[in-house]
Amino acid sequence: MKIDAKDIKPEVVAAIAAAVTAMMGTGNLAIKISTSAAWAAAGRQKLMNSH
């Protein structure tokens, strides 16, 4: 498995990889992990909708 996850803690990568392996099995998997501001944007949108 090749892991290229800059700016993401190794513990987080390991947890995500373990969860994917548990769900999908041990076959060949391609996993891309990247940071995102989606949760922050969703929180701001929810706040704006509440007014």
N, C-alpha and C. Protein backbone atom coordinates (compact mmCIF):
# COMPACT_ATOMS: atom_id res chain seq x y z
N MET A 1 0.85 -1.17 0.00
CA MET A 1 0.00 0.00 0.00
C MET A 1 0.89 1.23 0.00
N LYS A 2 0.65 2.15 -0.89
CA LYS A 2 1.38 3.41 -0.94
C LYS A 2 0.55 4.47 -0.24
N ILE A 3 1.16 5.17 0.69
CA ILE A 3 0.46 6.21 1.42
C ILE A 3 1.14 7.54 1.14
N ASP A 4 0.41 8.46 0.57
CA ASP A 4 0.89 9.81 0.31
C ASP A 4 -0.15 10.76 0.86
N ALA A 5 -0.03 11.09 2.13
CA ALA A 5 -1.03 11.92 2.79
C ALA A 5 -0.33 13.06 3.52
N LYS A 6 0.05 14.05 2.79
CA LYS A 6 0.72 15.20 3.39
C LYS A 6 -0.27 15.96 4.27
N ASP A 7 0.21 16.46 5.38
CA ASP A 7 -0.58 17.26 6.32
C ASP A 7 -1.68 16.48 7.02
N ILE A 8 -1.67 15.15 6.92
CA ILE A 8 -2.65 14.33 7.63
C ILE A 8 -1.87 13.41 8.56
N LYS A 9 -2.26 13.38 9.83
CA LYS A 9 -1.54 12.59 10.82
C LYS A 9 -1.56 11.11 10.44
N PRO A 10 -0.45 10.40 10.67
CA PRO A 10 -0.40 8.97 10.35
C PRO A 10 -1.48 8.16 11.06
N GLU A 11 -1.85 8.58 12.28
CA GLU A 11 -2.89 7.87 13.03
C GLU A 11 -4.23 7.96 12.31
N VAL A 12 -4.52 9.11 11.71
CA VAL A 12 -5.77 9.31 10.98
C VAL A 12 -5.77 8.45 9.72
N VAL A 13 -4.65 8.44 9.01
CA VAL A 13 -4.54 7.61 7.80
C VAL A 13 -4.73 6.14 8.16
N ALA A 14 -4.11 5.70 9.26
CA ALA A 14 -4.23 4.30 9.68
C ALA A 14 -5.67 3.95 10.04
N ALA A 15 -6.36 4.85 10.73
CA ALA A 15 -7.75 4.60 11.12
C ALA A 15 -8.66 4.51 9.89
N ILE A 16 -8.47 5.41 8.94
CA ILE A 16 -9.28 5.39 7.72
C ILE A 16 -9.00 4.13 6.91
N ALA A 17 -7.72 3.80 6.76
CA ALA A 17 -7.35 2.59 6.00
C ALA A 17 -7.92 1.34 6.66
N ALA A 18 -7.89 1.28 7.99
CA ALA A 18 -8.43 0.12 8.70
C ALA A 18 -9.94 0.02 8.51
N ALA A 19 -10.63 1.14 8.56
CA ALA A 19 -12.08 1.14 8.36
C ALA A 19 -12.45 0.69 6.95
N VAL A 20 -11.72 1.19 5.96
CA VAL A 20 -11.99 0.80 4.57
C VAL A 20 -11.70 -0.68 4.37
N THR A 21 -10.59 -1.16 4.93
CA THR A 21 -10.25 -2.58 4.80
C THR A 21 -11.30 -3.45 5.48
N ALA A 22 -11.80 -3.01 6.65
CA ALA A 22 -12.82 -3.78 7.36
C ALA A 22 -14.11 -3.88 6.54
N MET A 23 -14.46 -2.82 5.84
CA MET A 23 -15.69 -2.81 5.06
C MET A 23 -15.53 -3.49 3.70
N MET A 24 -14.39 -3.31 3.05
CA MET A 24 -14.21 -3.75 1.67
C MET A 24 -13.43 -5.06 1.55
N GLY A 25 -12.78 -5.50 2.60
CA GLY A 25 -11.97 -6.70 2.52
C GLY A 25 -10.51 -6.36 2.23
N THR A 26 -9.73 -7.38 1.99
CA THR A 26 -8.29 -7.19 1.84
C THR A 26 -7.82 -7.21 0.39
N GLY A 27 -8.73 -7.04 -0.56
CA GLY A 27 -8.34 -7.00 -1.96
C GLY A 27 -7.60 -5.72 -2.28
N ASN A 28 -7.33 -5.49 -3.53
CA ASN A 28 -6.65 -4.26 -3.95
C ASN A 28 -7.58 -3.07 -3.78
N LEU A 29 -7.10 -2.08 -3.08
CA LEU A 29 -7.88 -0.87 -2.84
C LEU A 29 -7.09 0.35 -3.24
N ALA A 30 -7.76 1.33 -3.75
CA ALA A 30 -7.15 2.64 -4.01
C ALA A 30 -7.87 3.63 -3.11
N ILE A 31 -7.12 4.27 -2.25
CA ILE A 31 -7.71 5.21 -1.29
C ILE A 31 -7.03 6.55 -1.47
N LYS A 32 -7.82 7.58 -1.61
CA LYS A 32 -7.28 8.94 -1.65
C LYS A 32 -7.88 9.69 -0.47
N ILE A 33 -7.02 10.22 0.36
CA ILE A 33 -7.44 10.97 1.53
C ILE A 33 -6.94 12.39 1.35
N SER A 34 -7.84 13.35 1.44
CA SER A 34 -7.43 14.74 1.33
C SER A 34 -8.22 15.59 2.31
N THR A 35 -7.63 16.70 2.68
CA THR A 35 -8.33 17.61 3.57
C THR A 35 -9.39 18.38 2.79
N SER A 36 -10.39 18.83 3.52
CA SER A 36 -11.48 19.54 2.87
C SER A 36 -12.10 20.53 3.85
N ALA A 37 -12.62 21.59 3.33
CA ALA A 37 -13.32 22.58 4.15
C ALA A 37 -14.83 22.36 4.08
N ALA A 38 -15.27 21.20 3.61
CA ALA A 38 -16.70 20.94 3.42
C ALA A 38 -17.47 21.01 4.74
N TRP A 39 -16.91 20.45 5.81
CA TRP A 39 -17.63 20.49 7.09
C TRP A 39 -17.76 21.92 7.59
N ALA A 40 -16.74 22.72 7.43
CA ALA A 40 -16.80 24.12 7.85
C ALA A 40 -17.84 24.87 7.02
N ALA A 41 -17.87 24.62 5.73
CA ALA A 41 -18.85 25.28 4.86
C ALA A 41 -20.26 24.86 5.23
N ALA A 42 -20.46 23.58 5.53
CA ALA A 42 -21.79 23.10 5.92
C ALA A 42 -22.23 23.75 7.23
N GLY A 43 -21.30 23.91 8.16
CA GLY A 43 -21.62 24.57 9.42
C GLY A 43 -22.00 26.02 9.23
N ARG A 44 -21.27 26.72 8.37
CA ARG A 44 -21.61 28.12 8.09
C ARG A 44 -22.97 28.23 7.42
N GLN A 45 -23.25 27.33 6.49
CA GLN A 45 -24.54 27.35 5.79
C GLN A 45 -25.68 27.08 6.77
N LYS A 46 -25.50 26.15 7.67
CA LYS A 46 -26.53 25.85 8.66
C LYS A 46 -26.78 27.06 9.55
N LEU A 47 -25.71 27.74 9.93
CA LEU A 47 -25.84 28.94 10.75
C LEU A 47 -26.59 30.03 10.00
N MET A 48 -26.26 30.23 8.73
CA MET A 48 -26.94 31.25 7.93
C MET A 48 -28.42 30.91 7.74
N ASN A 49 -28.74 29.64 7.58
CA ASN A 49 -30.13 29.22 7.37
C ASN A 49 -30.96 29.35 8.64
N SER A 50 -30.33 29.43 9.79
CA SER A 50 -31.07 29.48 11.05
C SER A 50 -31.57 30.89 11.38
N HIS A 51 -31.16 31.88 10.63
CA HIS A 51 -31.59 33.26 10.90
C HIS A 51 -32.80 33.64 10.11
